[in-house]
PDB file of N, CA and C in Angstrom:
ATOM      1  N   MET A   1       0.851  -1.166   0.000  1.00  0.00           N
ATOM      2  CA  MET A   1       0.000   0.000   0.000  1.00  0.00           C
ATOM      3  C   MET A   1       0.898   1.231   0.000  1.00  0.00           C
ATOM      4  N   ASP A   2       0.790   2.069  -0.992  1.00  0.00           N
ATOM      5  CA  ASP A   2       1.621   3.267  -1.040  1.00  0.00           C
ATOM      6  C   ASP A   2       0.794   4.484  -1.428  1.00  0.00           C
ATOM      7  N   LYS A   3      -0.454   4.498  -1.027  1.00  0.00           N
ATOM      8  CA  LYS A   3      -1.341   5.614  -1.330  1.00  0.00           C
ATOM      9  C   LYS A   3      -1.007   6.778  -0.402  1.00  0.00           C
ATOM     10  N   ILE A   4      -0.823   7.946  -0.995  1.00  0.00           N
ATOM     11  CA  ILE A   4      -0.506   9.149  -0.238  1.00  0.00           C
ATOM     12  C   ILE A   4      -1.684  10.108  -0.360  1.00  0.00           C
ATOM     13  N   ILE A   5      -2.095  10.678   0.783  1.00  0.00           N
ATOM     14  CA  ILE A   5      -3.186  11.641   0.774  1.00  0.00           C
ATOM     15  C   ILE A   5      -2.680  12.984   1.285  1.00  0.00           C
ATOM     16  N   ASN A   6      -3.355  14.047   0.885  1.00  0.00           N
ATOM     17  CA  ASN A   6      -3.017  15.400   1.307  1.00  0.00           C
ATOM     18  C   ASN A   6      -4.007  15.818   2.379  1.00  0.00           C
ATOM     19  N   LEU A   7      -3.507  16.149   3.551  1.00  0.00           N
ATOM     20  CA  LEU A   7      -4.344  16.590   4.658  1.00  0.00           C
ATOM     21  C   LEU A   7      -3.922  17.990   5.079  1.00  0.00           C
ATOM     22  N   ASN A   8      -4.646  18.968   4.610  1.00  0.00           N
ATOM     23  CA  ASN A   8      -4.382  20.360   4.982  1.00  0.00           C
ATOM     24  C   ASN A   8      -2.914  20.731   4.753  1.00  0.00           C
ATOM     25  N   GLY A   9      -2.380  20.319   3.610  1.00  0.00           N
ATOM     26  CA  GLY A   9      -1.000  20.640   3.263  1.00  0.00           C
ATOM     27  C   GLY A   9       0.032  19.654   3.770  1.00  0.00           C
ATOM     28  N   ASN A  10      -0.411  18.563   4.405  1.00  0.00           N
ATOM     29  CA  ASN A  10       0.497  17.528   4.897  1.00  0.00           C
ATOM     30  C   ASN A  10       0.289  16.263   4.082  1.00  0.00           C
ATOM     31  N   ALA A  11       1.348  15.760   3.472  1.00  0.00           N
ATOM     32  CA  ALA A  11       1.266  14.509   2.717  1.00  0.00           C
ATOM     33  C   ALA A  11       1.476  13.351   3.690  1.00  0.00           C
ATOM     34  N   VAL A  12       0.523  12.411   3.716  1.00  0.00           N
ATOM     35  CA  VAL A  12       0.596  11.280   4.641  1.00  0.00           C
ATOM     36  C   VAL A  12       0.423   9.999   3.854  1.00  0.00           C
ATOM     37  N   GLU A  13       1.357   9.061   4.021  1.00  0.00           N
ATOM     38  CA  GLU A  13       1.252   7.760   3.372  1.00  0.00           C
ATOM     39  C   GLU A  13       0.394   6.854   4.257  1.00  0.00           C
ATOM     40  N   LEU A  14      -0.703   6.363   3.697  1.00  0.00           N
ATOM     41  CA  LEU A  14      -1.674   5.597   4.480  1.00  0.00           C
ATOM     42  C   LEU A  14      -1.074   4.348   5.128  1.00  0.00           C
ATOM     43  N   SER A  15      -0.126   3.718   4.470  1.00  0.00           N
ATOM     44  CA  SER A  15       0.453   2.491   5.035  1.00  0.00           C
ATOM     45  C   SER A  15       1.302   2.758   6.268  1.00  0.00           C
ATOM     46  N   LYS A  16       1.673   3.991   6.503  1.00  0.00           N
ATOM     47  CA  LYS A  16       2.521   4.331   7.650  1.00  0.00           C
ATOM     48  C   LYS A  16       1.712   4.745   8.878  1.00  0.00           C
ATOM     49  N   ILE A  17       0.385   4.834   8.752  1.00  0.00           N
ATOM     50  CA  ILE A  17      -0.445   5.294   9.860  1.00  0.00           C
ATOM     51  C   ILE A  17      -0.680   4.173  10.866  1.00  0.00           C
ATOM     52  N   LYS A  18      -0.462   4.497  12.136  1.00  0.00           N
ATOM     53  CA  LYS A  18      -0.736   3.568  13.225  1.00  0.00           C
ATOM     54  C   LYS A  18      -2.045   3.941  13.910  1.00  0.00           C
ATOM     55  N   ALA A  19      -2.334   5.252  14.046  1.00  0.00           N
ATOM     56  CA  ALA A  19      -3.553   5.691  14.727  1.00  0.00           C
ATOM     57  C   ALA A  19      -3.918   7.105  14.282  1.00  0.00           C
ATOM     58  N   ILE A  20      -5.222   7.383  14.311  1.00  0.00           N
ATOM     59  CA  ILE A  20      -5.740   8.722  14.015  1.00  0.00           C
ATOM     60  C   ILE A  20      -6.685   9.067  15.152  1.00  0.00           C
ATOM     61  N   SER A  21      -6.561  10.284  15.681  1.00  0.00           N
ATOM     62  CA  SER A  21      -7.463  10.670  16.765  1.00  0.00           C
ATOM     63  C   SER A  21      -7.789  12.155  16.710  1.00  0.00           C
ATOM     64  N   VAL A  22      -8.925  12.475  17.297  1.00  0.00           N
ATOM     65  CA  VAL A  22      -9.359  13.864  17.450  1.00  0.00           C
ATOM     66  C   VAL A  22     -10.040  13.950  18.809  1.00  0.00           C
ATOM     67  N   ASN A  23      -9.812  15.046  19.518  1.00  0.00           N
ATOM     68  CA  ASN A  23     -10.418  15.221  20.831  1.00  0.00           C
ATOM     69  C   ASN A  23     -11.836  15.746  20.645  1.00  0.00           C
ATOM     70  N   GLU A  24     -12.829  14.918  20.947  1.00  0.00           N
ATOM     71  CA  GLU A  24     -14.221  15.331  20.784  1.00  0.00           C
ATOM     72  C   GLU A  24     -14.833  15.868  22.068  1.00  0.00           C
ATOM     73  N   PHE A  25     -14.035  16.035  23.109  1.00  0.00           N
ATOM     74  CA  PHE A  25     -14.554  16.524  24.371  1.00  0.00           C
ATOM     75  C   PHE A  25     -14.462  18.047  24.403  1.00  0.00           C
ATOM     76  N   HIS A  26     -15.397  18.702  23.721  1.00  0.00           N
ATOM     77  CA  HIS A  26     -15.377  20.165  23.570  1.00  0.00           C
ATOM     78  C   HIS A  26     -15.420  20.883  24.916  1.00  0.00           C
ATOM     79  N   LYS A  27     -16.165  20.351  25.875  1.00  0.00           N
ATOM     80  CA  LYS A  27     -16.329  21.040  27.155  1.00  0.00           C
ATOM     81  C   LYS A  27     -15.091  20.913  28.026  1.00  0.00           C
ATOM     82  N   VAL A  28     -14.282  19.900  27.774  1.00  0.00           N
ATOM     83  CA  VAL A  28     -13.078  19.682  28.572  1.00  0.00           C
ATOM     84  C   VAL A  28     -11.914  20.482  28.005  1.00  0.00           C
ATOM     85  N   LYS A  29     -11.746  20.400  26.713  1.00  0.00           N
ATOM     86  CA  LYS A  29     -10.625  21.079  26.058  1.00  0.00           C
ATOM     87  C   LYS A  29     -11.152  21.848  24.854  1.00  0.00           C
ATOM     88  N   GLN A  30     -10.894  23.125  24.833  1.00  0.00           N
ATOM     89  CA  GLN A  30     -11.417  23.963  23.758  1.00  0.00           C
ATOM     90  C   GLN A  30     -10.716  23.742  22.419  1.00  0.00           C
ATOM     91  N   SER A  31      -9.461  23.323  22.449  1.00  0.00           N
ATOM     92  CA  SER A  31      -8.703  23.162  21.211  1.00  0.00           C
ATOM     93  C   SER A  31      -8.921  21.778  20.603  1.00  0.00           C
ATOM     94  N   THR A  32     -10.093  21.568  20.052  1.00  0.00           N
ATOM     95  CA  THR A  32     -10.402  20.298  19.405  1.00  0.00           C
ATOM     96  C   THR A  32     -10.216  20.438  17.904  1.00  0.00           C
ATOM     97  N   ARG A  33      -9.532  21.451  17.495  1.00  0.00           N
ATOM     98  CA  ARG A  33      -9.358  21.727  16.076  1.00  0.00           C
ATOM     99  C   ARG A  33      -8.254  20.901  15.452  1.00  0.00           C
ATOM    100  N   GLU A  34      -7.613  20.042  16.209  1.00  0.00           N
ATOM    101  CA  GLU A  34      -6.474  19.296  15.688  1.00  0.00           C
ATOM    102  C   GLU A  34      -6.769  17.810  15.551  1.00  0.00           C
ATOM    103  N   ILE A  35      -6.256  17.248  14.471  1.00  0.00           N
ATOM    104  CA  ILE A  35      -6.283  15.809  14.278  1.00  0.00           C
ATOM    105  C   ILE A  35      -4.861  15.322  14.499  1.00  0.00           C
ATOM    106  N   LYS A  36      -4.747  14.258  15.274  1.00  0.00           N
ATOM    107  CA  LYS A  36      -3.439  13.690  15.590  1.00  0.00           C
ATOM    108  C   LYS A  36      -3.274  12.393  14.805  1.00  0.00           C
ATOM    109  N   ILE A  37      -2.191  12.300  14.033  1.00  0.00           N
ATOM    110  CA  ILE A  37      -1.879  11.094  13.274  1.00  0.00           C
ATOM    111  C   ILE A  37      -0.578  10.523  13.821  1.00  0.00           C
ATOM    112  N   GLU A  38      -0.660   9.314  14.355  1.00  0.00           N
ATOM    113  CA  GLU A  38       0.535   8.632  14.837  1.00  0.00           C
ATOM    114  C   GLU A  38       1.011   7.700  13.736  1.00  0.00           C
ATOM    115  N   LEU A  39       2.274   7.835  13.383  1.00  0.00           N
ATOM    116  CA  LEU A  39       2.852   7.002  12.338  1.00  0.00           C
ATOM    117  C   LEU A  39       3.499   5.765  12.952  1.00  0.00           C
ATOM    118  N   ALA A  40       3.583   4.727  12.160  1.00  0.00           N
ATOM    119  CA  ALA A  40       4.193   3.477  12.627  1.00  0.00           C
ATOM    120  C   ALA A  40       5.625   3.747  13.077  1.00  0.00           C
ATOM    121  N   SER A  41       6.011   3.089  14.150  1.00  0.00           N
ATOM    122  CA  SER A  41       7.377   3.237  14.666  1.00  0.00           C
ATOM    123  C   SER A  41       8.373   2.718  13.649  1.00  0.00           C
ATOM    124  N   ARG A  42       9.541   3.316  13.673  1.00  0.00           N
ATOM    125  CA  ARG A  42      10.607   2.829  12.802  1.00  0.00           C
ATOM    126  C   ARG A  42      11.901   2.829  13.601  1.00  0.00           C
ATOM    127  N   LYS A  43      12.812   2.001  13.184  1.00  0.00           N
ATOM    128  CA  LYS A  43      14.109   1.904  13.856  1.00  0.00           C
ATOM    129  C   LYS A  43      15.174   2.523  12.964  1.00  0.00           C
ATOM    130  N   GLU A  44      16.097   3.198  13.620  1.00  0.00           N
ATOM    131  CA  GLU A  44      17.146   3.882  12.868  1.00  0.00           C
ATOM    132  C   GLU A  44      18.425   3.900  13.715  1.00  0.00           C
ATOM    133  N   TYR A  45      19.555   3.692  13.046  1.00  0.00           N
ATOM    134  CA  TYR A  45      20.838   3.786  13.739  1.00  0.00           C
ATOM    135  C   TYR A  45      21.259   5.250  13.782  1.00  0.00           C
ATOM    136  N   ILE A  46      21.601   5.705  14.986  1.00  0.00           N
ATOM    137  CA  ILE A  46      21.999   7.096  15.181  1.00  0.00           C
ATOM    138  C   ILE A  46      23.359   7.101  15.870  1.00  0.00           C
ATOM    139  N   LEU A  47      24.231   7.962  15.376  1.00  0.00           N
ATOM    140  CA  LEU A  47      25.578   8.055  15.932  1.00  0.00           C
ATOM    141  C   LEU A  47      25.540   8.750  17.284  1.00  0.00           C
ATOM    142  N   ASN A  48      26.078   8.079  18.296  1.00  0.00           N
ATOM    143  CA  ASN A  48      26.196   8.657  19.626  1.00  0.00           C
ATOM    144  C   ASN A  48      27.531   9.400  19.668  1.00  0.00           C
ATOM    145  N   PRO A  49      27.509  10.732  19.817  1.00  0.00           N
ATOM    146  CA  PRO A  49      28.762  11.497  19.775  1.00  0.00           C
ATOM    147  C   PRO A  49      29.670  11.234  20.972  1.00  0.00           C
ATOM    148  N   GLU A  50      29.122  10.728  22.075  1.00  0.00           N
ATOM    149  CA  GLU A  50      29.945  10.478  23.257  1.00  0.00           C
ATOM    150  C   GLU A  50      30.870   9.275  23.075  1.00  0.00           C
ATOM    151  N   ASN A  51      30.330   8.205  22.475  1.00  0.00           N
ATOM    152  CA  ASN A  51      31.176   7.021  22.299  1.00  0.00           C
ATOM    153  C   ASN A  51      31.480   6.739  20.828  1.00  0.00           C
ATOM    154  N   GLU A  52      30.985   7.575  19.948  1.00  0.00           N
ATOM    155  CA  GLU A  52      31.193   7.487  18.504  1.00  0.00           C
ATOM    156  C   GLU A  52      30.794   6.131  17.940  1.00  0.00           C
ATOM    157  N   LYS A  53      29.716   5.560  18.501  1.00  0.00           N
ATOM    158  CA  LYS A  53      29.169   4.304  17.993  1.00  0.00           C
ATOM    159  C   LYS A  53      27.729   4.534  17.568  1.00  0.00           C
ATOM    160  N   HIS A  54      27.324   3.762  16.582  1.00  0.00           N
ATOM    161  CA  HIS A  54      25.935   3.841  16.145  1.00  0.00           C
ATOM    162  C   HIS A  54      25.068   2.994  17.069  1.00  0.00           C
ATOM    163  N   GLU A  55      23.939   3.571  17.490  1.00  0.00           N
ATOM    164  CA  GLU A  55      23.016   2.885  18.387  1.00  0.00           C
ATOM    165  C   GLU A  55      21.641   2.830  17.733  1.00  0.00           C
ATOM    166  N   LEU A  56      20.961   1.727  17.949  1.00  0.00           N
ATOM    167  CA  LEU A  56      19.632   1.542  17.370  1.00  0.00           C
ATOM    168  C   LEU A  56      18.584   2.239  18.241  1.00  0.00           C
ATOM    169  N   HIS A  57      17.812   3.135  17.623  1.00  0.00           N
ATOM    170  CA  HIS A  57      16.765   3.879  18.328  1.00  0.00           C
ATOM    171  C   HIS A  57      15.423   3.649  17.638  1.00  0.00           C
ATOM    172  N   THR A  58      14.367   3.602  18.449  1.00  0.00           N
ATOM    173  CA  THR A  58      13.012   3.535  17.920  1.00  0.00           C
ATOM    174  C   THR A  58      12.477   4.956  17.822  1.00  0.00           C
ATOM    175  N   ILE A  59      11.964   5.294  16.650  1.00  0.00           N
ATOM    176  CA  ILE A  59      11.449   6.640  16.414  1.00  0.00           C
ATOM    177  C   ILE A  59       9.940   6.564  16.245  1.00  0.00           C
ATOM    178  N   ASN A  60       9.236   7.349  17.062  1.00  0.00           N
ATOM    179  CA  ASN A  60       7.782   7.444  16.997  1.00  0.00           C
ATOM    180  C   ASN A  60       7.432   8.862  16.555  1.00  0.00           C
ATOM    181  N   GLU A  61       6.806   8.971  15.395  1.00  0.00           N
ATOM    182  CA  GLU A  61       6.475  10.286  14.865  1.00  0.00           C
ATOM    183  C   GLU A  61       4.980  10.551  14.968  1.00  0.00           C
ATOM    184  N   VAL A  62       4.650  11.815  15.246  1.00  0.00           N
ATOM    185  CA  VAL A  62       3.264  12.247  15.342  1.00  0.00           C
ATOM    186  C   VAL A  62       3.102  13.494  14.476  1.00  0.00           C
ATOM    187  N   VAL A  63       2.024  13.522  13.700  1.00  0.00           N
ATOM    188  CA  VAL A  63       1.693  14.681  12.876  1.00  0.00           C
ATOM    189  C   VAL A  63       0.413  15.283  13.451  1.00  0.00           C
ATOM    190  N   MET A  64       0.459  16.577  13.777  1.00  0.00           N
ATOM    191  CA  MET A  64      -0.725  17.292  14.257  1.00  0.00           C
ATOM    192  C   MET A  64      -1.188  18.206  13.132  1.00  0.00           C
ATOM    193  N   ILE A  65      -2.468  18.080  12.766  1.00  0.00           N
ATOM    194  CA  ILE A  65      -3.020  18.897  11.690  1.00  0.00           C
ATOM    195  C   ILE A  65      -4.125  19.764  12.272  1.00  0.00           C
ATOM    196  N   GLU A  66      -3.975  21.067  12.131  1.00  0.00           N
ATOM    197  CA  GLU A  66      -4.929  22.010  12.703  1.00  0.00           C
ATOM    198  C   GLU A  66      -5.948  22.448  11.649  1.00  0.00           C
ATOM    199  N   TYR A  67      -7.193  22.567  12.085  1.00  0.00           N
ATOM    200  CA  TYR A  67      -8.289  23.017  11.222  1.00  0.00           C
ATOM    201  C   TYR A  67      -8.926  24.260  11.831  1.00  0.00           C
ATOM    202  N   PRO A  68      -9.742  24.983  11.058  1.00  0.00           N
ATOM    203  CA  PRO A  68     -10.276  26.260  11.548  1.00  0.00           C
ATOM    204  C   PRO A  68     -11.201  26.143  12.764  1.00  0.00           C
ATOM    205  N   ASP A  69     -11.902  25.007  12.892  1.00  0.00           N
ATOM    206  CA  ASP A  69     -12.824  24.851  14.019  1.00  0.00           C
ATOM    207  C   ASP A  69     -13.036  23.375  14.332  1.00  0.00           C
ATOM    208  N   ASN A  70     -13.729  23.128  15.433  1.00  0.00           N
ATOM    209  CA  ASN A  70     -13.969  21.765  15.905  1.00  0.00           C
ATOM    210  C   ASN A  70     -14.774  20.945  14.901  1.00  0.00           C
ATOM    211  N   ASP A  71     -15.830  21.530  14.372  1.00  0.00           N
ATOM    212  CA  ASP A  71     -16.705  20.795  13.450  1.00  0.00           C
ATOM    213  C   ASP A  71     -15.960  20.344  12.201  1.00  0.00           C
ATOM    214  N   THR A  72     -15.108  21.208  11.669  1.00  0.00           N
ATOM    215  CA  THR A  72     -14.327  20.849  10.483  1.00  0.00           C
ATOM    216  C   THR A  72     -13.360  19.708  10.811  1.00  0.00           C
ATOM    217  N   ALA A  73     -12.690  19.801  11.955  1.00  0.00           N
ATOM    218  CA  ALA A  73     -11.737  18.759  12.348  1.00  0.00           C
ATOM    219  C   ALA A  73     -12.434  17.413  12.484  1.00  0.00           C
ATOM    220  N   ILE A  74     -13.591  17.392  13.106  1.00  0.00           N
ATOM    221  CA  ILE A  74     -14.310  16.132  13.300  1.00  0.00           C
ATOM    222  C   ILE A  74     -14.815  15.585  11.971  1.00  0.00           C
ATOM    223  N   LYS A  75     -15.288  16.469  11.092  1.00  0.00           N
ATOM    224  CA  LYS A  75     -15.749  16.049   9.758  1.00  0.00           C
ATOM    225  C   LYS A  75     -14.594  15.423   8.979  1.00  0.00           C
ATOM    226  N   ILE A  76     -13.440  16.088   8.969  1.00  0.00           N
ATOM    227  CA  ILE A  76     -12.263  15.576   8.264  1.00  0.00           C
ATOM    228  C   ILE A  76     -11.781  14.273   8.901  1.00  0.00           C
ATOM    229  N   TYR A  77     -11.855  14.181  10.217  1.00  0.00           N
ATOM    230  CA  TYR A  77     -11.464  12.956  10.928  1.00  0.00           C
ATOM    231  C   TYR A  77     -12.263  11.761  10.403  1.00  0.00           C
ATOM    232  N   PHE A  78     -13.591  11.891  10.318  1.00  0.00           N
ATOM    233  CA  PHE A  78     -14.416  10.783   9.839  1.00  0.00           C
ATOM    234  C   PHE A  78     -14.142  10.469   8.368  1.00  0.00           C
ATOM    235  N   GLU A  79     -13.870  11.484   7.563  1.00  0.00           N
ATOM    236  CA  GLU A  79     -13.503  11.259   6.158  1.00  0.00           C
ATOM    237  C   GLU A  79     -12.174  10.505   6.072  1.00  0.00           C
ATOM    238  N   MET A  80     -11.209  10.909   6.911  1.00  0.00           N
ATOM    239  CA  MET A  80      -9.909  10.226   6.926  1.00  0.00           C
ATOM    240  C   MET A  80     -10.056   8.772   7.339  1.00  0.00           C
ATOM    241  N   MET A  81     -10.875   8.522   8.334  1.00  0.00           N
ATOM    242  CA  MET A  81     -11.085   7.157   8.793  1.00  0.00           C
ATOM    243  C   MET A  81     -11.662   6.293   7.673  1.00  0.00           C
ATOM    244  N   GLN A  82     -12.578   6.860   6.879  1.00  0.00           N
ATOM    245  CA  GLN A  82     -13.179   6.101   5.777  1.00  0.00           C
ATOM    246  C   GLN A  82     -12.135   5.812   4.692  1.00  0.00           C
ATOM    247  N   ILE A  83     -11.321   6.795   4.364  1.00  0.00           N
ATOM    248  CA  ILE A  83     -10.262   6.601   3.360  1.00  0.00           C
ATOM    249  C   ILE A  83      -9.279   5.544   3.835  1.00  0.00           C
ATOM    250  N   TRP A  84      -8.890   5.619   5.089  1.00  0.00           N
ATOM    251  CA  TRP A  84      -7.940   4.656   5.671  1.00  0.00           C
ATOM    252  C   TRP A  84      -8.531   3.255   5.658  1.00  0.00           C
ATOM    253  N   GLU A  85      -9.788   3.134   6.076  1.00  0.00           N
ATOM    254  CA  GLU A  85     -10.450   1.825   6.089  1.00  0.00           C
ATOM    255  C   GLU A  85     -10.564   1.251   4.678  1.00  0.00           C
ATOM    256  N   ASP A  86     -10.961   2.090   3.712  1.00  0.00           N
ATOM    257  CA  ASP A  86     -11.076   1.640   2.318  1.00  0.00           C
ATOM    258  C   ASP A  86      -9.735   1.144   1.791  1.00  0.00           C
ATOM    259  N   SER A  87      -8.650   1.862   2.126  1.00  0.00           N
ATOM    260  CA  SER A  87      -7.333   1.461   1.627  1.00  0.00           C
ATOM    261  C   SER A  87      -6.890   0.150   2.261  1.00  0.00           C
ATOM    262  N   LEU A  88      -7.254  -0.099   3.505  1.00  0.00           N
ATOM    263  CA  LEU A  88      -6.906  -1.363   4.151  1.00  0.00           C
ATOM    264  C   LEU A  88      -7.677  -2.526   3.540  1.00  0.00           C
ATOM    265  N   GLU A  89      -8.928  -2.292   3.165  1.00  0.00           N
ATOM    266  CA  GLU A  89      -9.755  -3.339   2.549  1.00  0.00           C
ATOM    267  C   GLU A  89      -9.228  -3.728   1.180  1.00  0.00           C
ATOM    268  N   GLU A  90      -8.591  -2.789   0.465  1.00  0.00           N
ATOM    269  CA  GLU A  90      -8.034  -3.090  -0.862  1.00  0.00           C
ATOM    270  C   GLU A  90      -6.979  -4.183  -0.793  1.00  0.00           C
ATOM    271  N   PHE A  91      -6.309  -4.279   0.359  1.00  0.00           N
ATOM    272  CA  PHE A  91      -5.186  -5.202   0.471  1.00  0.00           C
ATOM    273  C   PHE A  91      -5.509  -6.427   1.321  1.00  0.00           C
ATOM    274  N   ASP A  92      -6.768  -6.637   1.642  1.00  0.00           N
ATOM    275  CA  ASP A  92      -7.162  -7.866   2.358  1.00  0.00           C
ATOM    276  C   ASP A  92      -7.338  -9.029   1.432  1.00  0.00           C
TER     277      ASP A  92
END
């Protein structure tokens, strides 16, 4: 799966997504305008400058996408979930 979608100016590869979330608790937190996309963890060797050896690190990336208001964010969230689900069904 290598389908890439554009989300408010952010290119996201669907196969790399681990989770998508939006805070729907408007009364608890006013800033519900963001959708959080957690990408699948990846491992990478990084040079440790103290001992000059490469060490294996797990990298967890998160993309936060802001929208003008809560309703738009929630609408886009459900659209994203449908696109993600459809793309997963293509490869079953």
